[in-house]
Amino acid sequence: MELGNITQPSYGPGPEAPGSSTPGLVAMAHGFLRLVQPNPLPVAEESSEAPVLYCLSCFFSQLLLYELGFLVCAAVGVLFIILVPLVGCCFCCCRC
């Protein structure tokens, strides 16, 4: 196994979609991921001009904005996990 130049690595193109017998499902999954997380990962900028606390708070706000799509999906999932059994119980117990 050849490691190549470790101090100056060269990166190839990004990962490619795997060949599949269901390209419609693969396209739908990639479309969902692009919808949920359209922005690239924020990178912390190092500058000696701004205070460290401001840089961290700015970075965390950008990171929160980056993860906003997944947070919304998680909130909707938790809402369904709580509401669906509750509504089902109401329909079963309160058959008027």
Protein backbone atom coordinates (compact mmCIF):
# COMPACT_ATOMS: atom_id res chain seq x y z
CA MET A 1 0.00 0.00 0.00
CA GLU A 2 1.51 3.28 -1.08
CA LEU A 3 0.82 6.31 1.10
CA GLY A 4 2.12 8.96 -1.28
CA ASN A 5 3.23 12.38 -0.09
CA ILE A 6 1.79 12.81 3.41
CA THR A 7 2.84 16.45 3.87
CA GLN A 8 1.24 17.59 0.58
CA PRO A 9 -1.70 15.27 -0.09
CA SER A 10 -3.52 15.45 -3.38
CA TYR A 11 -7.25 14.90 -3.27
CA GLY A 12 -9.29 13.55 -6.13
CA PRO A 13 -12.85 14.42 -7.06
CA GLY A 14 -15.64 13.90 -4.53
CA PRO A 15 -17.47 10.61 -4.10
CA GLU A 16 -19.60 9.49 -6.99
CA ALA A 17 -23.06 8.05 -6.72
CA PRO A 18 -22.85 4.25 -6.71
CA GLY A 19 -24.22 2.32 -9.63
CA SER A 20 -27.61 1.01 -8.66
CA SER A 21 -30.53 -0.91 -10.06
CA THR A 22 -32.84 1.76 -8.59
CA PRO A 23 -31.54 5.11 -9.86
CA GLY A 24 -34.84 6.80 -8.98
CA LEU A 25 -34.41 6.05 -5.28
CA VAL A 26 -30.77 7.15 -5.34
CA ALA A 27 -31.73 10.42 -7.02
CA MET A 28 -34.52 10.94 -4.48
CA ALA A 29 -32.14 10.37 -1.54
CA HIS A 30 -29.54 12.75 -2.97
CA GLY A 31 -32.26 15.33 -3.66
CA PHE A 32 -33.44 15.09 -0.05
CA LEU A 33 -29.89 15.54 1.25
CA ARG A 34 -29.34 18.57 -1.00
CA LEU A 35 -32.65 20.01 0.25
CA VAL A 36 -31.88 19.44 3.92
CA GLN A 37 -28.25 20.56 3.83
CA PRO A 38 -27.60 22.88 0.86
CA ASN A 39 -24.72 24.88 2.39
CA PRO A 40 -21.09 23.75 2.72
CA LEU A 41 -19.59 23.14 6.16
CA PRO A 42 -18.40 26.45 7.69
CA VAL A 43 -14.68 26.75 8.36
CA ALA A 44 -13.34 28.67 11.36
CA GLU A 45 -11.30 31.64 10.19
CA GLU A 46 -8.23 32.50 12.22
CA SER A 47 -7.67 36.21 12.60
CA SER A 48 -5.95 38.09 15.37
CA GLU A 49 -8.13 41.17 14.89
CA ALA A 50 -11.39 39.83 16.37
CA PRO A 51 -11.76 38.55 19.93
CA VAL A 52 -11.78 34.79 20.31
CA LEU A 53 -15.22 34.72 21.95
CA TYR A 54 -16.79 36.59 19.04
CA CYS A 55 -15.15 34.24 16.55
CA LEU A 56 -16.46 31.20 18.41
CA SER A 57 -19.99 32.56 18.69
CA CYS A 58 -19.95 33.49 14.99
CA PHE A 59 -18.65 30.03 14.09
CA PHE A 60 -21.29 28.27 16.22
CA SER A 61 -24.07 30.37 14.71
CA GLN A 62 -22.86 29.41 11.22
CA LEU A 63 -22.64 25.77 12.31
CA LEU A 64 -26.20 25.92 13.69
CA LEU A 65 -27.39 27.39 10.38
CA TYR A 66 -25.54 24.57 8.58
CA GLU A 67 -27.34 21.93 10.67
CA LEU A 68 -30.74 23.67 10.60
CA GLY A 69 -32.25 21.27 8.05
CA PHE A 70 -31.37 18.22 10.14
CA LEU A 71 -32.67 19.92 13.29
CA VAL A 72 -36.01 20.63 11.62
CA CYS A 73 -36.25 17.01 10.41
CA ALA A 74 -35.47 15.76 13.93
CA ALA A 75 -38.12 18.07 15.45
CA VAL A 76 -40.75 16.86 12.97
CA GLY A 77 -39.78 13.25 13.71
CA VAL A 78 -40.09 13.74 17.47
CA LEU A 79 -43.43 15.47 16.93
CA PHE A 80 -44.73 12.49 14.95
CA ILE A 81 -43.36 10.02 17.51
CA ILE A 82 -45.35 11.79 20.22
CA LEU A 83 -48.50 12.78 18.31
CA VAL A 84 -49.25 9.63 16.30
CA PRO A 85 -49.62 7.30 19.33
CA LEU A 86 -51.51 9.99 21.23
CA VAL A 87 -54.03 10.52 18.41
CA GLY A 88 -54.34 6.75 17.91
CA CYS A 89 -55.04 6.28 21.60
CA CYS A 90 -57.69 9.00 21.49
CA PHE A 91 -59.39 7.35 18.50
CA CYS A 92 -59.31 3.93 20.15
CA CYS A 93 -60.43 5.00 23.62
CA CYS A 94 -62.93 7.73 22.71
CA ARG A 95 -65.07 6.00 20.10
CA CYS A 96 -68.11 8.22 20.24
